[in-house]
Amino acid sequence: QVQLVESGGGLVQAGDSLRLSCVASGLTVSAYTFSWFRQVPGKDHELLASISLTGVRTYVVDSVKGRFTISRDNAKNTVYLQMNSLKPEDTAVYYCAARNDPAYGTLSWARYDVWGQGTQVTVSS
């Protein structure tokens, strides 16, 4: 069974940090590019960051660049999103997604093959 499970969300104060984890199972992690998205009610999934097969290359959208970092540990079947200097507007459900293709970057939610169930991040002011 192919599955992505996110964890690490929670309620934090503005300025705090969180590290989200996405553990993959049922797939060969090294063959998948991964991305992190977030969604607030009534809006589409917003791409935040994407990482290549080996983790050497990453893409981070301008709106969170300098605060969010994506990384992966293929040996642990895990992808991470380090979020620093959190703001109230970062409040959302955060998802990871995997794509069985070397291409990574500005791909939309629908272009991925596997999606996690999401983890809530709430940032209070």
N, C-alpha and C. Protein backbone atom coordinates (compact mmCIF):
# COMPACT_ATOMS: atom_id res chain seq x y z
N GLN A 1 0.85 -1.20 0.00
CA GLN A 1 0.00 0.00 0.00
C GLN A 1 0.88 1.24 0.00
N VAL A 2 0.70 2.06 -1.02
CA VAL A 2 1.46 3.30 -1.12
C VAL A 2 0.85 4.34 -0.18
N GLN A 3 1.68 4.95 0.63
CA GLN A 3 1.16 5.86 1.63
C GLN A 3 2.17 6.93 1.98
N LEU A 4 1.68 8.14 2.19
CA LEU A 4 2.48 9.24 2.72
C LEU A 4 1.80 9.69 4.00
N VAL A 5 2.56 9.81 5.07
CA VAL A 5 2.01 10.22 6.35
C VAL A 5 2.80 11.41 6.88
N GLU A 6 2.10 12.53 7.00
CA GLU A 6 2.72 13.75 7.53
C GLU A 6 2.57 13.81 9.05
N SER A 7 3.51 14.48 9.66
CA SER A 7 3.43 14.73 11.10
C SER A 7 4.25 15.97 11.42
N GLY A 8 4.09 16.45 12.65
CA GLY A 8 4.88 17.60 13.10
C GLY A 8 4.12 18.90 13.17
N GLY A 9 2.88 18.91 12.72
CA GLY A 9 2.10 20.13 12.82
C GLY A 9 1.68 20.40 14.24
N GLY A 10 1.05 21.56 14.44
CA GLY A 10 0.58 21.91 15.77
C GLY A 10 0.27 23.37 15.89
N LEU A 11 0.06 23.81 17.11
CA LEU A 11 -0.24 25.20 17.42
C LEU A 11 1.03 25.86 17.96
N VAL A 12 1.47 26.90 17.29
CA VAL A 12 2.67 27.62 17.71
C VAL A 12 2.40 29.11 17.69
N GLN A 13 3.32 29.88 18.24
CA GLN A 13 3.21 31.33 18.22
C GLN A 13 4.02 31.90 17.06
N ALA A 14 3.65 33.08 16.66
CA ALA A 14 4.38 33.77 15.60
C ALA A 14 5.86 33.86 15.98
N GLY A 15 6.72 33.56 15.01
CA GLY A 15 8.15 33.58 15.25
C GLY A 15 8.74 32.23 15.59
N ASP A 16 7.89 31.29 15.93
CA ASP A 16 8.36 29.94 16.27
C ASP A 16 8.74 29.15 15.02
N SER A 17 9.29 27.98 15.25
CA SER A 17 9.68 27.08 14.17
C SER A 17 8.97 25.73 14.33
N LEU A 18 8.79 25.07 13.22
CA LEU A 18 8.26 23.70 13.20
C LEU A 18 9.00 22.93 12.12
N ARG A 19 9.14 21.63 12.33
CA ARG A 19 9.65 20.77 11.28
C ARG A 19 8.61 19.70 10.99
N LEU A 20 8.11 19.71 9.78
CA LEU A 20 7.16 18.71 9.35
C LEU A 20 7.92 17.53 8.73
N SER A 21 7.38 16.34 8.94
CA SER A 21 7.96 15.13 8.37
C SER A 21 6.91 14.44 7.51
N CYS A 22 7.38 13.80 6.48
CA CYS A 22 6.51 13.02 5.59
C CYS A 22 7.19 11.67 5.39
N VAL A 23 6.59 10.64 5.94
CA VAL A 23 7.16 9.30 5.83
C VAL A 23 6.43 8.54 4.73
N ALA A 24 7.21 8.01 3.80
CA ALA A 24 6.64 7.28 2.67
C ALA A 24 6.77 5.78 2.88
N SER A 25 5.78 5.06 2.42
CA SER A 25 5.83 3.60 2.47
C SER A 25 5.16 3.04 1.22
N GLY A 26 5.59 1.84 0.84
CA GLY A 26 4.99 1.19 -0.32
C GLY A 26 5.51 1.68 -1.65
N LEU A 27 6.54 2.50 -1.63
CA LEU A 27 7.12 2.98 -2.88
C LEU A 27 8.63 3.10 -2.71
N THR A 28 9.32 3.11 -3.85
CA THR A 28 10.78 3.29 -3.84
C THR A 28 11.05 4.78 -3.78
N VAL A 29 11.37 5.27 -2.60
CA VAL A 29 11.46 6.70 -2.35
C VAL A 29 12.44 7.38 -3.30
N SER A 30 13.53 6.71 -3.60
CA SER A 30 14.56 7.33 -4.44
C SER A 30 14.10 7.56 -5.87
N ALA A 31 12.96 7.01 -6.24
CA ALA A 31 12.43 7.18 -7.59
C ALA A 31 11.38 8.28 -7.66
N TYR A 32 11.13 8.95 -6.56
CA TYR A 32 10.08 9.95 -6.48
C TYR A 32 10.63 11.31 -6.10
N THR A 33 10.15 12.32 -6.80
CA THR A 33 10.35 13.68 -6.32
C THR A 33 9.21 13.98 -5.35
N PHE A 34 9.48 14.87 -4.43
CA PHE A 34 8.51 15.22 -3.40
C PHE A 34 8.31 16.74 -3.35
N SER A 35 7.12 17.09 -2.92
CA SER A 35 6.83 18.50 -2.71
C SER A 35 5.96 18.66 -1.48
N TRP A 36 5.99 19.85 -0.95
CA TRP A 36 5.09 20.25 0.13
C TRP A 36 4.12 21.29 -0.41
N PHE A 37 2.86 21.12 -0.04
CA PHE A 37 1.80 22.06 -0.37
C PHE A 37 1.11 22.47 0.92
N ARG A 38 0.32 23.50 0.84
CA ARG A 38 -0.56 23.85 1.93
C ARG A 38 -1.89 24.33 1.35
N GLN A 39 -2.90 24.25 2.19
CA GLN A 39 -4.23 24.66 1.75
C GLN A 39 -4.97 25.30 2.91
N VAL A 40 -5.62 26.41 2.61
CA VAL A 40 -6.54 27.05 3.55
C VAL A 40 -7.94 26.87 2.99
N PRO A 41 -8.94 26.92 3.85
CA PRO A 41 -10.30 26.68 3.37
C PRO A 41 -10.70 27.62 2.24
N GLY A 42 -11.28 27.04 1.22
CA GLY A 42 -11.78 27.82 0.10
C GLY A 42 -10.75 28.16 -0.96
N LYS A 43 -9.52 27.71 -0.76
CA LYS A 43 -8.47 27.99 -1.74
C LYS A 43 -7.84 26.71 -2.26
N ASP A 44 -7.15 26.84 -3.39
CA ASP A 44 -6.46 25.70 -3.96
C ASP A 44 -5.21 25.36 -3.16
N HIS A 45 -4.67 24.17 -3.43
CA HIS A 45 -3.41 23.79 -2.81
C HIS A 45 -2.30 24.70 -3.34
N GLU A 46 -1.52 25.23 -2.42
CA GLU A 46 -0.43 26.13 -2.78
C GLU A 46 0.90 25.38 -2.67
N LEU A 47 1.65 25.34 -3.76
CA LEU A 47 2.97 24.73 -3.73
C LEU A 47 3.91 25.57 -2.89
N LEU A 48 4.68 24.91 -2.03
CA LEU A 48 5.65 25.60 -1.19
C LEU A 48 7.08 25.28 -1.60
N ALA A 49 7.36 24.01 -1.75
CA ALA A 49 8.74 23.59 -2.01
C ALA A 49 8.74 22.22 -2.66
N SER A 50 9.81 21.98 -3.42
CA SER A 50 9.94 20.73 -4.14
C SER A 50 11.40 20.29 -4.07
N ILE A 51 11.62 18.98 -4.13
CA ILE A 51 12.98 18.47 -4.01
C ILE A 51 13.21 17.35 -5.02
N SER A 52 14.43 17.34 -5.57
CA SER A 52 14.78 16.36 -6.59
C SER A 52 14.97 14.97 -5.99
N LEU A 53 15.22 14.01 -6.85
CA LEU A 53 15.32 12.61 -6.43
C LEU A 53 16.38 12.39 -5.35
N THR A 54 17.51 13.04 -5.52
CA THR A 54 18.61 12.83 -4.57
C THR A 54 18.65 13.89 -3.48
N GLY A 55 17.87 14.94 -3.66
CA GLY A 55 17.87 16.02 -2.69
C GLY A 55 18.89 17.10 -2.96
N VAL A 56 19.65 16.94 -4.02
CA VAL A 56 20.68 17.94 -4.33
C VAL A 56 20.05 19.26 -4.77
N ARG A 57 18.93 19.15 -5.48
CA ARG A 57 18.28 20.36 -5.99
C ARG A 57 16.93 20.56 -5.30
N THR A 58 16.67 21.82 -4.97
CA THR A 58 15.39 22.16 -4.36
C THR A 58 14.81 23.39 -5.03
N TYR A 59 13.53 23.52 -4.87
CA TYR A 59 12.81 24.70 -5.34
C TYR A 59 11.92 25.17 -4.21
N VAL A 60 11.97 26.45 -3.90
CA VAL A 60 11.12 27.02 -2.85
C VAL A 60 10.46 28.27 -3.42
N VAL A 61 9.17 28.38 -3.23
CA VAL A 61 8.46 29.53 -3.78
C VAL A 61 8.91 30.80 -3.06
N ASP A 62 8.80 31.90 -3.78
CA ASP A 62 9.30 33.17 -3.25
C ASP A 62 8.63 33.58 -1.95
N SER A 63 7.35 33.25 -1.80
CA SER A 63 6.60 33.71 -0.63
C SER A 63 7.13 33.14 0.68
N VAL A 64 7.83 32.02 0.63
CA VAL A 64 8.36 31.42 1.87
C VAL A 64 9.88 31.23 1.81
N LYS A 65 10.49 31.65 0.72
CA LYS A 65 11.93 31.50 0.57
C LYS A 65 12.64 32.25 1.69
N GLY A 66 13.67 31.61 2.24
CA GLY A 66 14.39 32.20 3.35
C GLY A 66 13.83 31.79 4.70
N ARG A 67 12.60 31.28 4.72
CA ARG A 67 11.99 30.81 5.98
C ARG A 67 11.76 29.30 5.95
N PHE A 68 11.43 28.75 4.79
CA PHE A 68 11.12 27.32 4.68
C PHE A 68 12.24 26.61 3.90
N THR A 69 12.56 25.41 4.35
CA THR A 69 13.58 24.60 3.70
C THR A 69 13.07 23.17 3.56
N ILE A 70 13.23 22.59 2.38
CA ILE A 70 12.84 21.21 2.15
C ILE A 70 14.09 20.35 2.09
N SER A 71 13.98 19.16 2.64
CA SER A 71 15.10 18.21 2.60
C SER A 71 14.53 16.79 2.60
N ARG A 72 15.39 15.84 2.33
CA ARG A 72 14.93 14.45 2.31
C ARG A 72 16.04 13.54 2.81
N ASP A 73 15.63 12.43 3.37
CA ASP A 73 16.55 11.38 3.79
C ASP A 73 16.01 10.08 3.19
N ASN A 74 16.54 9.69 2.06
CA ASN A 74 16.02 8.51 1.38
C ASN A 74 16.20 7.24 2.20
N ALA A 75 17.24 7.21 3.00
CA ALA A 75 17.47 6.03 3.84
C ALA A 75 16.37 5.85 4.88
N LYS A 76 15.74 6.96 5.25
CA LYS A 76 14.65 6.92 6.23
C LYS A 76 13.28 7.07 5.58
N ASN A 77 13.25 7.10 4.26
CA ASN A 77 11.99 7.24 3.52
C ASN A 77 11.22 8.48 3.98
N THR A 78 11.93 9.55 4.25
CA THR A 78 11.31 10.72 4.88
C THR A 78 11.73 12.00 4.16
N VAL A 79 10.75 12.88 4.03
CA VAL A 79 10.96 14.22 3.50
C VAL A 79 10.56 15.20 4.59
N TYR A 80 11.30 16.29 4.69
CA TYR A 80 11.07 17.26 5.75
C TYR A 80 10.75 18.64 5.19
N LEU A 81 10.05 19.41 5.99
CA LEU A 81 9.87 20.83 5.71
C LEU A 81 10.17 21.57 6.99
N GLN A 82 11.29 22.25 7.00
CA GLN A 82 11.67 23.09 8.14
C GLN A 82 11.07 24.47 7.94
N MET A 83 10.30 24.90 8.89
CA MET A 83 9.61 26.20 8.80
C MET A 83 10.06 27.07 9.96
N ASN A 84 10.67 28.18 9.64
CA ASN A 84 11.15 29.12 10.65
C ASN A 84 10.40 30.44 10.56
N SER A 85 10.48 31.21 11.60
CA SER A 85 9.85 32.54 11.64
C SER A 85 8.40 32.48 11.16
N LEU A 86 7.66 31.58 11.74
CA LEU A 86 6.29 31.37 11.30
C LEU A 86 5.42 32.59 11.55
N LYS A 87 4.47 32.79 10.65
CA LYS A 87 3.56 33.93 10.72
C LYS A 87 2.12 33.41 10.79
N PRO A 88 1.21 34.22 11.29
CA PRO A 88 -0.19 33.78 11.32
C PRO A 88 -0.72 33.37 9.95
N GLU A 89 -0.25 34.03 8.91
CA GLU A 89 -0.71 33.68 7.56
C GLU A 89 -0.18 32.34 7.06
N ASP A 90 0.71 31.72 7.81
CA ASP A 90 1.15 30.36 7.48
C ASP A 90 0.18 29.30 7.97
N THR A 91 -0.83 29.71 8.69
CA THR A 91 -1.83 28.77 9.19
C THR A 91 -2.53 28.09 8.02
N ALA A 92 -2.49 26.76 8.02
CA ALA A 92 -3.05 25.98 6.91
C ALA A 92 -2.90 24.49 7.24
N VAL A 93 -3.47 23.67 6.38
CA VAL A 93 -3.18 22.24 6.40
C VAL A 93 -2.04 22.00 5.42
N TYR A 94 -1.01 21.33 5.88
CA TYR A 94 0.19 21.10 5.07
C TYR A 94 0.21 19.64 4.60
N TYR A 95 0.50 19.49 3.31
CA TYR A 95 0.50 18.17 2.69
C TYR A 95 1.83 17.90 1.99
N CYS A 96 2.22 16.66 1.98
CA CYS A 96 3.30 16.28 1.08
C CYS A 96 2.72 15.49 -0.08
N ALA A 97 3.44 15.50 -1.18
CA ALA A 97 3.00 14.81 -2.38
C ALA A 97 4.23 14.24 -3.08
N ALA A 98 4.04 13.13 -3.76
CA ALA A 98 5.14 12.45 -4.43
C ALA A 98 4.80 12.21 -5.89
N ARG A 99 5.84 12.30 -6.70
CA ARG A 99 5.66 12.12 -8.14
C ARG A 99 6.75 11.19 -8.65
N ASN A 100 6.34 10.15 -9.36
CA ASN A 100 7.27 9.16 -9.87
C ASN A 100 7.88 9.65 -11.17
N ASP A 101 8.71 10.67 -11.03
CA ASP A 101 9.30 11.33 -12.20
C ASP A 101 10.45 12.20 -11.72
N PRO A 102 11.52 12.31 -12.50
CA PRO A 102 12.63 13.16 -12.07
C PRO A 102 12.30 14.65 -12.07
N ALA A 103 11.26 15.05 -12.82
CA ALA A 103 10.94 16.47 -12.90
C ALA A 103 10.41 16.96 -11.55
N TYR A 104 10.84 18.10 -11.15
CA TYR A 104 10.37 18.69 -9.90
C TYR A 104 10.27 20.19 -10.13
N GLY A 105 9.66 20.86 -9.18
CA GLY A 105 9.56 22.31 -9.29
C GLY A 105 8.12 22.77 -9.28
N THR A 106 7.76 23.59 -10.23
CA THR A 106 6.46 24.26 -10.23
C THR A 106 5.36 23.39 -10.82
N LEU A 107 5.18 22.23 -10.26
CA LEU A 107 4.11 21.34 -10.72
C LEU A 107 2.92 21.47 -9.81
N SER A 108 1.74 21.42 -10.39
CA SER A 108 0.52 21.59 -9.60
C SER A 108 0.18 20.32 -8.85
N TRP A 109 -0.70 20.47 -7.89
CA TRP A 109 -1.15 19.37 -7.04
C TRP A 109 -1.60 18.17 -7.86
N ALA A 110 -2.34 18.39 -8.91
CA ALA A 110 -2.91 17.31 -9.70
C ALA A 110 -1.86 16.53 -10.48
N ARG A 111 -0.66 17.07 -10.62
CA ARG A 111 0.39 16.40 -11.39
C ARG A 111 1.11 15.34 -10.57
N TYR A 112 0.79 15.22 -9.29
CA TYR A 112 1.45 14.26 -8.43
C TYR A 112 0.71 12.93 -8.41
N ASP A 113 1.42 11.91 -7.96
CA ASP A 113 0.86 10.56 -7.99
C ASP A 113 0.32 10.08 -6.65
N VAL A 114 0.91 10.60 -5.58
CA VAL A 114 0.54 10.18 -4.22
C VAL A 114 0.48 11.40 -3.34
N TRP A 115 -0.52 11.45 -2.44
CA TRP A 115 -0.69 12.58 -1.56
C TRP A 115 -0.89 12.10 -0.12
N GLY A 116 -0.41 12.87 0.81
CA GLY A 116 -0.65 12.56 2.21
C GLY A 116 -1.99 13.09 2.68
N GLN A 117 -2.30 12.83 3.94
CA GLN A 117 -3.60 13.23 4.49
C GLN A 117 -3.56 14.63 5.10
N GLY A 118 -2.37 15.16 5.26
CA GLY A 118 -2.22 16.52 5.76
C GLY A 118 -2.00 16.61 7.25
N THR A 119 -1.37 17.69 7.66
CA THR A 119 -1.17 17.99 9.08
C THR A 119 -1.44 19.48 9.29
N GLN A 120 -2.19 19.78 10.33
CA GLN A 120 -2.61 21.17 10.59
C GLN A 120 -1.49 21.95 11.25
N VAL A 121 -1.25 23.13 10.73
CA VAL A 121 -0.33 24.08 11.36
C VAL A 121 -1.13 25.34 11.66
N THR A 122 -1.11 25.75 12.91
CA THR A 122 -1.80 26.95 13.33
C THR A 122 -0.81 27.87 14.03
N VAL A 123 -0.72 29.09 13.53
CA VAL A 123 0.22 30.06 14.08
C VAL A 123 -0.58 31.20 14.69
N SER A 124 -0.43 31.40 15.98
CA SER A 124 -1.15 32.47 16.66
C SER A 124 -0.29 33.72 16.72
N SER A 125 -0.96 34.85 16.75
CA SER A 125 -0.23 36.14 16.77
C SER A 125 0.09 36.59 18.18
